[in-house]
N, C-alpha and C. Protein backbone atom coordinates (compact mmCIF):
# COMPACT_ATOMS: atom_id res chain seq x y z
N UNK A 1 94.11 203.82 -7.02
CA UNK A 1 95.30 204.21 -6.35
C UNK A 1 95.26 203.66 -4.93
N UNK A 2 95.53 202.38 -4.73
CA UNK A 2 95.50 201.81 -3.39
C UNK A 2 96.64 202.38 -2.56
N UNK A 3 96.31 202.76 -1.34
CA UNK A 3 97.32 203.34 -0.46
C UNK A 3 97.47 202.47 0.78
N UNK A 4 98.67 202.37 1.22
CA UNK A 4 98.95 201.74 2.51
C UNK A 4 99.39 202.85 3.44
N UNK A 5 99.30 202.65 4.73
CA UNK A 5 99.65 203.73 5.66
C UNK A 5 101.05 204.31 5.45
N UNK A 6 102.00 203.53 4.96
CA UNK A 6 103.36 204.01 4.80
C UNK A 6 103.64 204.53 3.38
N UNK A 7 102.64 204.61 2.52
CA UNK A 7 102.85 205.06 1.14
C UNK A 7 102.07 206.34 0.90
N UNK A 8 102.73 207.31 0.34
CA UNK A 8 102.08 208.56 -0.04
C UNK A 8 101.89 208.56 -1.56
N UNK A 9 100.84 209.24 -2.04
CA UNK A 9 100.66 209.28 -3.50
C UNK A 9 101.81 210.04 -4.17
N UNK A 10 102.10 209.61 -5.36
CA UNK A 10 103.18 210.26 -6.12
C UNK A 10 102.68 211.60 -6.69
N UNK A 11 103.62 212.38 -7.16
CA UNK A 11 103.27 213.65 -7.80
C UNK A 11 102.33 213.41 -8.98
N UNK A 12 102.62 212.41 -9.79
CA UNK A 12 101.78 212.12 -10.96
C UNK A 12 100.37 211.72 -10.55
N UNK A 13 100.26 210.94 -9.48
CA UNK A 13 98.93 210.53 -9.00
C UNK A 13 98.15 211.75 -8.50
N UNK A 14 98.83 212.63 -7.78
CA UNK A 14 98.16 213.84 -7.29
C UNK A 14 97.77 214.76 -8.45
N UNK A 15 98.66 214.87 -9.43
CA UNK A 15 98.35 215.70 -10.60
C UNK A 15 97.14 215.15 -11.34
N UNK A 16 97.06 213.85 -11.49
CA UNK A 16 95.91 213.22 -12.16
C UNK A 16 94.63 213.47 -11.36
N UNK A 17 94.72 213.42 -10.05
CA UNK A 17 93.56 213.69 -9.20
C UNK A 17 93.10 215.13 -9.38
N UNK A 18 94.02 216.07 -9.44
CA UNK A 18 93.67 217.48 -9.64
C UNK A 18 92.98 217.67 -10.98
N UNK A 19 93.47 217.02 -12.02
CA UNK A 19 92.86 217.13 -13.35
C UNK A 19 91.42 216.60 -13.30
N UNK A 20 91.21 215.45 -12.66
CA UNK A 20 89.85 214.90 -12.55
C UNK A 20 88.94 215.83 -11.75
N UNK A 21 89.48 216.41 -10.68
CA UNK A 21 88.68 217.33 -9.88
C UNK A 21 88.32 218.59 -10.66
N UNK A 22 89.26 219.09 -11.45
CA UNK A 22 88.99 220.26 -12.29
C UNK A 22 87.87 219.97 -13.29
N UNK A 23 87.89 218.79 -13.88
CA UNK A 23 86.85 218.41 -14.83
C UNK A 23 85.50 218.32 -14.12
N UNK A 24 85.48 217.75 -12.92
CA UNK A 24 84.24 217.65 -12.15
C UNK A 24 83.71 219.03 -11.81
N UNK A 25 84.59 219.92 -11.37
CA UNK A 25 84.18 221.28 -11.01
C UNK A 25 83.62 222.01 -12.23
N UNK A 26 84.25 221.87 -13.37
CA UNK A 26 83.75 222.53 -14.58
C UNK A 26 82.37 221.99 -14.97
N UNK A 27 82.18 220.69 -14.88
CA UNK A 27 80.86 220.11 -15.18
C UNK A 27 79.82 220.63 -14.21
N UNK A 28 80.20 220.77 -12.95
CA UNK A 28 79.27 221.29 -11.95
C UNK A 28 78.93 222.75 -12.23
N UNK A 29 79.92 223.54 -12.67
CA UNK A 29 79.66 224.94 -13.03
C UNK A 29 78.64 225.02 -14.17
N UNK A 30 78.79 224.17 -15.16
CA UNK A 30 77.86 224.17 -16.28
C UNK A 30 76.45 223.79 -15.82
N UNK A 31 76.36 222.79 -14.97
CA UNK A 31 75.06 222.38 -14.44
C UNK A 31 74.43 223.50 -13.63
N UNK A 32 75.22 224.15 -12.81
CA UNK A 32 74.71 225.27 -11.99
C UNK A 32 74.21 226.39 -12.89
N UNK A 33 74.94 226.71 -13.93
CA UNK A 33 74.52 227.77 -14.86
C UNK A 33 73.20 227.41 -15.52
N UNK A 34 73.04 226.17 -15.92
CA UNK A 34 71.78 225.73 -16.53
C UNK A 34 70.64 225.81 -15.52
N UNK A 35 70.90 225.39 -14.29
CA UNK A 35 69.86 225.43 -13.27
C UNK A 35 69.48 226.87 -12.91
N UNK A 36 70.46 227.76 -12.88
CA UNK A 36 70.17 229.17 -12.61
C UNK A 36 69.29 229.76 -13.70
N UNK A 37 69.58 229.41 -14.95
CA UNK A 37 68.76 229.90 -16.06
C UNK A 37 67.35 229.35 -15.96
N UNK A 38 67.21 228.09 -15.58
CA UNK A 38 65.89 227.48 -15.42
C UNK A 38 65.12 228.17 -14.31
N UNK A 39 65.78 228.42 -13.19
CA UNK A 39 65.12 229.11 -12.08
C UNK A 39 64.67 230.50 -12.50
N UNK A 40 65.51 231.20 -13.23
CA UNK A 40 65.16 232.54 -13.71
C UNK A 40 63.92 232.50 -14.60
N UNK A 41 63.89 231.55 -15.55
CA UNK A 41 62.74 231.42 -16.45
C UNK A 41 61.47 231.07 -15.67
N UNK A 42 61.59 230.13 -14.73
CA UNK A 42 60.41 229.71 -13.98
C UNK A 42 59.93 230.80 -13.04
N UNK A 43 60.84 231.56 -12.47
CA UNK A 43 60.44 232.68 -11.61
C UNK A 43 59.66 233.71 -12.42
N UNK A 44 60.14 234.00 -13.62
CA UNK A 44 59.44 234.95 -14.48
C UNK A 44 58.06 234.40 -14.88
N UNK A 45 58.00 233.12 -15.14
CA UNK A 45 56.73 232.49 -15.52
C UNK A 45 55.73 232.54 -14.37
N UNK A 46 56.17 232.24 -13.17
CA UNK A 46 55.29 232.30 -12.00
C UNK A 46 54.79 233.72 -11.80
N UNK A 47 55.68 234.70 -11.92
CA UNK A 47 55.28 236.10 -11.76
C UNK A 47 54.22 236.47 -12.80
N UNK A 48 54.41 236.03 -14.03
CA UNK A 48 53.43 236.31 -15.10
C UNK A 48 52.09 235.65 -14.79
N UNK A 49 52.12 234.41 -14.37
CA UNK A 49 50.86 233.71 -14.05
C UNK A 49 50.17 234.36 -12.86
N UNK A 50 50.93 234.77 -11.86
CA UNK A 50 50.33 235.46 -10.72
C UNK A 50 49.72 236.79 -11.15
N UNK A 51 50.41 237.49 -12.03
CA UNK A 51 49.89 238.76 -12.53
C UNK A 51 48.58 238.56 -13.28
N UNK A 52 48.51 237.52 -14.09
CA UNK A 52 47.29 237.23 -14.84
C UNK A 52 46.16 236.78 -13.92
N UNK A 53 46.50 236.04 -12.88
CA UNK A 53 45.49 235.48 -12.00
C UNK A 53 44.88 236.54 -11.08
N UNK A 54 45.62 237.52 -10.68
CA UNK A 54 45.14 238.51 -9.71
C UNK A 54 43.84 239.19 -10.14
N UNK A 55 43.73 239.72 -11.34
CA UNK A 55 42.45 240.35 -11.72
C UNK A 55 41.30 239.33 -11.76
N UNK A 56 41.58 238.13 -12.24
CA UNK A 56 40.54 237.11 -12.31
C UNK A 56 40.10 236.71 -10.90
N UNK A 57 41.03 236.57 -10.00
CA UNK A 57 40.71 236.20 -8.64
C UNK A 57 39.90 237.29 -7.97
N UNK A 58 40.27 238.54 -8.21
CA UNK A 58 39.50 239.67 -7.67
C UNK A 58 38.08 239.66 -8.16
N UNK A 59 37.88 239.37 -9.44
CA UNK A 59 36.53 239.33 -10.02
C UNK A 59 35.72 238.18 -9.40
N UNK A 60 36.34 237.02 -9.22
CA UNK A 60 35.64 235.89 -8.62
C UNK A 60 35.23 236.18 -7.19
N UNK A 61 36.10 236.77 -6.43
CA UNK A 61 35.78 237.10 -5.04
C UNK A 61 34.66 238.14 -4.97
N UNK A 62 34.69 239.12 -5.84
CA UNK A 62 33.64 240.15 -5.86
C UNK A 62 32.30 239.52 -6.21
N UNK A 63 32.29 238.61 -7.17
CA UNK A 63 31.04 237.96 -7.58
C UNK A 63 30.51 237.06 -6.45
N UNK A 64 31.39 236.44 -5.71
CA UNK A 64 30.97 235.54 -4.63
C UNK A 64 30.36 236.32 -3.48
N UNK A 65 30.80 237.53 -3.25
CA UNK A 65 30.29 238.35 -2.15
C UNK A 65 28.90 238.86 -2.47
N UNK A 66 28.61 239.10 -3.72
CA UNK A 66 27.31 239.66 -4.11
C UNK A 66 26.19 238.65 -4.04
């Protein structure tokens, strides 16, 4: 849609732009939802690994002090 300073986009051109922007926004929403789910899973995984590591780390530190 080449524009010159004295030409404004037509209604149809603007409508087409809105449709493309809506499609982009929807794709971004889907990506964000997937990324949020991934973050949630990874946060839970890190918490589980930290929970498992804490007793082992405590045992190692106690053994090192003795």
